[in-house]
Amino acid sequence: MLIQTRDLVKVYTMGDTEIRALDKVSVDIDEGEFVAVMGPSGSGKSTFMNVLGCLDRPTSGEYVLRGKKISDLAGDELAGVRNRNIGFVFQQFNLLPRTPAMENVELPLVYAGLPKKDRQEKAKAMLERVGLGERAHHHPAQLSGGQQQRVAIARALVTEPLLILADEPTGALDSRTSLEIMALLQELNRQGMTVVLVTHEPDIARFAARTLAFRDGKVEQDEQ
């Protein structure tokens, strides 16, 4: 089992008001699954993603990632787990605009302290894996939206993570390009990568093999 959550609770305090963003969420996700997380605004889906991505800690409950209890880790330890084990793909790509694709993909390896030659080899291999080997030296402005998202996916893969977390990865793309990006994520999943995707679009969720539907901080449906 890659991911186990038990009775996850996340409470935010705003003045005198407590908002229960997660309300005793218990979910298991196996290695190699492709899971879509859906729900209306304020349902808890983004909070759940932030906890899985080690960007936030639950107020109570347990999060276990491949046998390691994550929910009790301090900030630096949490960052270490995040950098080693999780690749992120965002709606707005988050690429450095004045930096070529290759160097954008290398970035997580710079933080990991890898030598330049090793970084370049890994980054080139990942760009080739997402079909952009010939665009390694192009800047983001010279790439289409779909190509920029492919660079972002290559960057997410370059550390060889346990898990890809994709937050509305097609939100800034047209319909045709969205299908291409989802086909790529599906192919990566077929190759063994675990993918958890947040989306509000049913057409996009259908690419996943399983859907978790959140409402009011709880998992309302869990469908294969």
Protein backbone atom coordinates (compact mmCIF):
# COMPACT_ATOMS: atom_id res chain seq x y z
CA MET A 1 0.00 0.00 0.00
CA LEU A 2 1.45 3.37 -1.01
CA ILE A 3 -0.95 5.75 0.78
CA GLN A 4 -2.99 5.17 3.91
CA THR A 5 -4.96 7.88 5.68
CA ARG A 6 -6.90 7.21 8.87
CA ASP A 7 -9.43 9.68 10.29
CA LEU A 8 -7.69 12.70 8.76
CA VAL A 9 -9.02 15.95 10.20
CA LYS A 10 -7.94 19.43 9.14
CA VAL A 11 -9.40 22.42 10.96
CA TYR A 12 -8.73 26.03 9.97
CA THR A 13 -9.51 28.83 12.42
CA MET A 14 -10.77 32.14 11.06
CA GLY A 15 -11.44 34.53 13.94
CA ASP A 16 -13.96 32.79 16.17
CA THR A 17 -14.99 30.37 13.44
CA GLU A 18 -13.57 26.87 12.92
CA ILE A 19 -13.73 25.43 9.41
CA ARG A 20 -13.44 21.64 9.19
CA ALA A 21 -11.81 21.20 5.77
CA LEU A 22 -11.28 17.44 6.29
CA ASP A 23 -13.59 15.41 8.49
CA LYS A 24 -12.24 11.95 9.39
CA VAL A 25 -11.06 10.96 5.91
CA SER A 26 -9.81 7.36 5.63
CA VAL A 27 -8.50 6.31 2.21
CA ASP A 28 -6.11 3.64 0.90
CA ILE A 29 -4.33 4.06 -2.46
CA ASP A 30 -2.24 1.23 -3.89
CA GLU A 31 0.99 1.67 -5.83
CA GLY A 32 0.24 2.03 -9.51
CA GLU A 33 -3.29 3.43 -9.11
CA PHE A 34 -4.65 6.39 -11.08
CA VAL A 35 -7.09 8.25 -8.82
CA ALA A 36 -9.16 11.35 -9.61
CA VAL A 37 -10.22 13.55 -6.67
CA MET A 38 -13.37 15.57 -7.37
CA GLY A 39 -15.74 17.84 -5.51
CA PRO A 40 -17.17 21.36 -5.49
CA SER A 41 -15.21 24.35 -4.20
CA GLY A 42 -14.72 24.03 -0.45
CA SER A 43 -15.31 20.26 -0.46
CA GLY A 44 -11.87 19.41 0.96
CA LYS A 45 -10.27 18.03 -2.19
CA SER A 46 -7.45 20.60 -2.30
CA THR A 47 -6.77 20.24 1.44
CA PHE A 48 -6.57 16.46 0.96
CA MET A 49 -4.10 16.98 -1.90
CA ASN A 50 -2.00 19.35 0.24
CA VAL A 51 -1.79 16.76 3.03
CA LEU A 52 -0.83 13.98 0.60
CA GLY A 53 1.80 16.30 -0.91
CA CYS A 54 3.33 17.10 2.50
CA LEU A 55 2.47 20.77 1.94
CA ASP A 56 0.24 20.77 5.03
CA ARG A 57 -0.17 18.67 8.16
CA PRO A 58 -3.49 17.33 9.44
CA THR A 59 -4.91 18.63 12.71
CA SER A 60 -5.40 15.01 13.74
CA GLY A 61 -5.43 11.56 12.20
CA GLU A 62 -2.72 9.61 10.43
CA TYR A 63 -1.05 9.76 7.01
CA VAL A 64 1.28 6.89 6.09
CA LEU A 65 3.31 6.95 2.84
CA ARG A 66 4.82 3.58 1.91
CA GLY A 67 4.95 2.49 5.54
CA LYS A 68 6.35 5.78 6.90
CA LYS A 69 4.15 7.82 9.21
CA ILE A 70 4.16 11.31 7.71
CA SER A 71 1.58 13.10 9.82
CA ASP A 72 3.90 13.55 12.83
CA LEU A 73 7.00 14.83 10.98
CA ALA A 74 8.46 18.27 11.64
CA GLY A 75 8.72 20.88 8.86
CA ASP A 76 12.22 20.03 7.62
CA GLU A 77 11.52 16.30 7.60
CA LEU A 78 8.25 16.93 5.78
CA ALA A 79 10.09 18.94 3.11
CA GLY A 80 12.59 16.11 2.70
CA VAL A 81 9.86 13.53 2.14
CA ARG A 82 8.13 15.88 -0.31
CA ASN A 83 11.28 16.55 -2.35
CA ARG A 84 12.32 12.88 -2.54
CA ASN A 85 8.99 11.15 -3.05
CA ILE A 86 6.45 13.45 -4.69
CA GLY A 87 6.29 15.09 -8.10
CA PHE A 88 3.88 18.01 -8.54
CA VAL A 89 2.07 19.17 -11.68
CA PHE A 90 0.09 22.42 -11.42
CA GLN A 91 -2.53 24.18 -13.52
CA GLN A 92 -0.25 27.14 -14.34
CA PHE A 93 2.89 25.06 -15.14
CA ASN A 94 5.09 27.15 -12.75
CA LEU A 95 8.06 27.20 -15.11
CA LEU A 96 10.86 29.77 -14.82
CA PRO A 97 10.19 32.03 -17.85
CA ARG A 98 13.81 32.95 -18.64
CA THR A 99 15.11 29.42 -18.27
CA PRO A 100 15.25 26.76 -21.03
CA ALA A 101 13.14 23.61 -20.70
CA MET A 102 16.17 21.49 -19.77
CA GLU A 103 17.11 23.74 -16.84
CA ASN A 104 13.49 23.91 -15.67
CA VAL A 105 13.43 20.11 -15.51
CA GLU A 106 16.81 20.03 -13.74
CA LEU A 107 15.64 22.31 -10.94
CA PRO A 108 14.57 19.63 -8.39
CA LEU A 109 17.93 17.91 -8.91
CA VAL A 110 19.77 21.16 -8.15
CA TYR A 111 18.00 21.23 -4.77
CA ALA A 112 18.90 17.55 -4.32
CA GLY A 113 22.60 18.39 -4.83
CA LEU A 114 23.21 16.24 -7.93
CA PRO A 115 26.30 17.04 -10.07
CA LYS A 116 25.60 19.03 -13.25
CA LYS A 117 26.39 16.17 -15.67
CA ASP A 118 24.00 13.79 -13.88
CA ARG A 119 21.31 16.49 -13.77
CA GLN A 120 21.56 17.12 -17.50
CA GLU A 121 21.41 13.41 -18.38
CA LYS A 122 18.33 12.86 -16.24
CA ALA A 123 16.58 16.00 -17.49
CA LYS A 124 17.24 15.09 -21.14
CA ALA A 125 15.90 11.57 -20.58
CA MET A 126 12.72 12.91 -18.98
CA LEU A 127 12.11 15.44 -21.77
CA GLU A 128 12.46 12.60 -24.27
CA ARG A 129 10.04 10.52 -22.21
CA VAL A 130 7.34 13.20 -22.56
CA GLY A 131 8.08 13.72 -26.27
CA LEU A 132 10.05 16.99 -26.00
CA GLY A 133 13.64 15.86 -26.48
CA GLU A 134 14.07 18.27 -29.41
CA ARG A 135 12.79 21.25 -27.38
CA ALA A 136 15.31 21.01 -24.52
CA HIS A 137 16.79 24.45 -25.20
CA HIS A 138 13.54 26.31 -25.88
CA HIS A 139 12.26 28.82 -23.33
CA PRO A 140 8.65 28.54 -22.05
CA ALA A 141 7.53 31.47 -24.27
CA GLN A 142 8.66 29.47 -27.32
CA LEU A 143 6.45 26.50 -26.32
CA SER A 144 2.71 25.93 -26.56
CA GLY A 145 0.64 25.48 -23.39
CA GLY A 146 0.60 21.72 -23.87
CA GLN A 147 4.37 21.63 -24.36
CA GLN A 148 4.88 23.72 -21.23
CA GLN A 149 2.76 21.26 -19.26
CA ARG A 150 4.86 18.40 -20.66
CA VAL A 151 7.97 20.18 -19.38
CA ALA A 152 6.27 20.48 -16.00
CA ILE A 153 5.48 16.75 -16.05
CA ALA A 154 9.11 15.97 -16.96
CA ARG A 155 10.19 18.12 -13.99
CA ALA A 156 7.81 16.18 -11.72
CA LEU A 157 9.26 12.86 -12.93
CA VAL A 158 12.95 13.74 -12.82
CA THR A 159 13.44 12.82 -9.14
CA GLU A 160 11.86 9.38 -9.80
CA PRO A 161 9.09 10.00 -7.25
CA LEU A 162 6.73 7.46 -5.70
CA LEU A 163 3.75 9.61 -6.58
CA ILE A 164 2.62 12.28 -9.06
CA LEU A 165 0.13 14.81 -7.66
CA ALA A 166 -1.57 16.75 -10.45
CA ASP A 167 -3.69 19.75 -9.41
CA GLU A 168 -6.07 20.74 -12.26
CA PRO A 169 -3.30 19.97 -14.80
CA THR A 170 -5.57 20.72 -17.78
CA GLY A 171 -7.22 23.84 -16.31
CA ALA A 172 -5.23 26.26 -18.51
CA LEU A 173 -5.41 24.16 -21.69
CA ASP A 174 -7.85 23.82 -24.58
CA SER A 175 -9.86 20.61 -25.00
CA ARG A 176 -7.60 18.91 -27.52
CA THR A 177 -4.41 19.67 -25.59
CA SER A 178 -6.10 18.54 -22.36
CA LEU A 179 -6.75 15.13 -23.91
CA GLU A 180 -3.09 14.88 -24.98
CA ILE A 181 -1.88 15.67 -21.43
CA MET A 182 -4.32 13.17 -19.90
CA ALA A 183 -3.20 10.51 -22.39
CA LEU A 184 0.39 11.16 -21.28
CA LEU A 185 -0.53 10.82 -17.59
CA GLN A 186 -2.43 7.64 -18.43
CA GLU A 187 0.61 6.23 -20.23
CA LEU A 188 2.88 7.08 -17.27
CA ASN A 189 0.38 5.28 -15.04
CA ARG A 190 0.49 2.21 -17.32
CA GLN A 191 4.27 2.26 -16.87
CA GLY A 192 3.75 1.96 -13.10
CA MET A 193 3.55 5.54 -11.83
CA THR A 194 0.96 6.30 -9.15
CA VAL A 195 -1.06 9.37 -10.14
CA VAL A 196 -3.50 11.34 -7.97
CA LEU A 197 -5.32 14.05 -9.90
CA VAL A 198 -7.53 16.88 -8.61
CA THR A 199 -10.10 18.03 -11.15
CA HIS A 200 -13.59 19.48 -11.31
CA GLU A 201 -14.15 18.18 -14.86
CA PRO A 202 -15.92 14.80 -15.22
CA ASP A 203 -14.40 14.29 -18.69
CA ILE A 204 -10.91 14.55 -17.21
CA ALA A 205 -11.74 12.36 -14.21
CA ARG A 206 -12.79 9.57 -16.58
CA PHE A 207 -9.15 9.04 -17.53
CA ALA A 208 -8.55 7.73 -13.99
CA ALA A 209 -9.44 4.21 -12.92
CA ARG A 210 -10.94 5.39 -9.63
CA THR A 211 -12.72 8.54 -8.45
CA LEU A 212 -12.95 9.94 -4.92
CA ALA A 213 -15.77 12.48 -4.64
CA PHE A 214 -15.44 14.91 -1.71
CA ARG A 215 -18.21 16.95 -0.09
CA ASP A 216 -18.11 18.90 3.18
CA GLY A 217 -14.70 17.46 4.08
CA LYS A 218 -15.75 13.83 3.68
CA VAL A 219 -15.36 11.23 0.93
CA GLU A 220 -18.91 10.97 -0.36
CA GLN A 221 -18.18 8.40 -3.08
CA ASP A 222 -15.29 6.05 -3.91
CA GLU A 223 -15.88 4.49 -7.33
CA GLN A 224 -13.79 2.26 -9.54
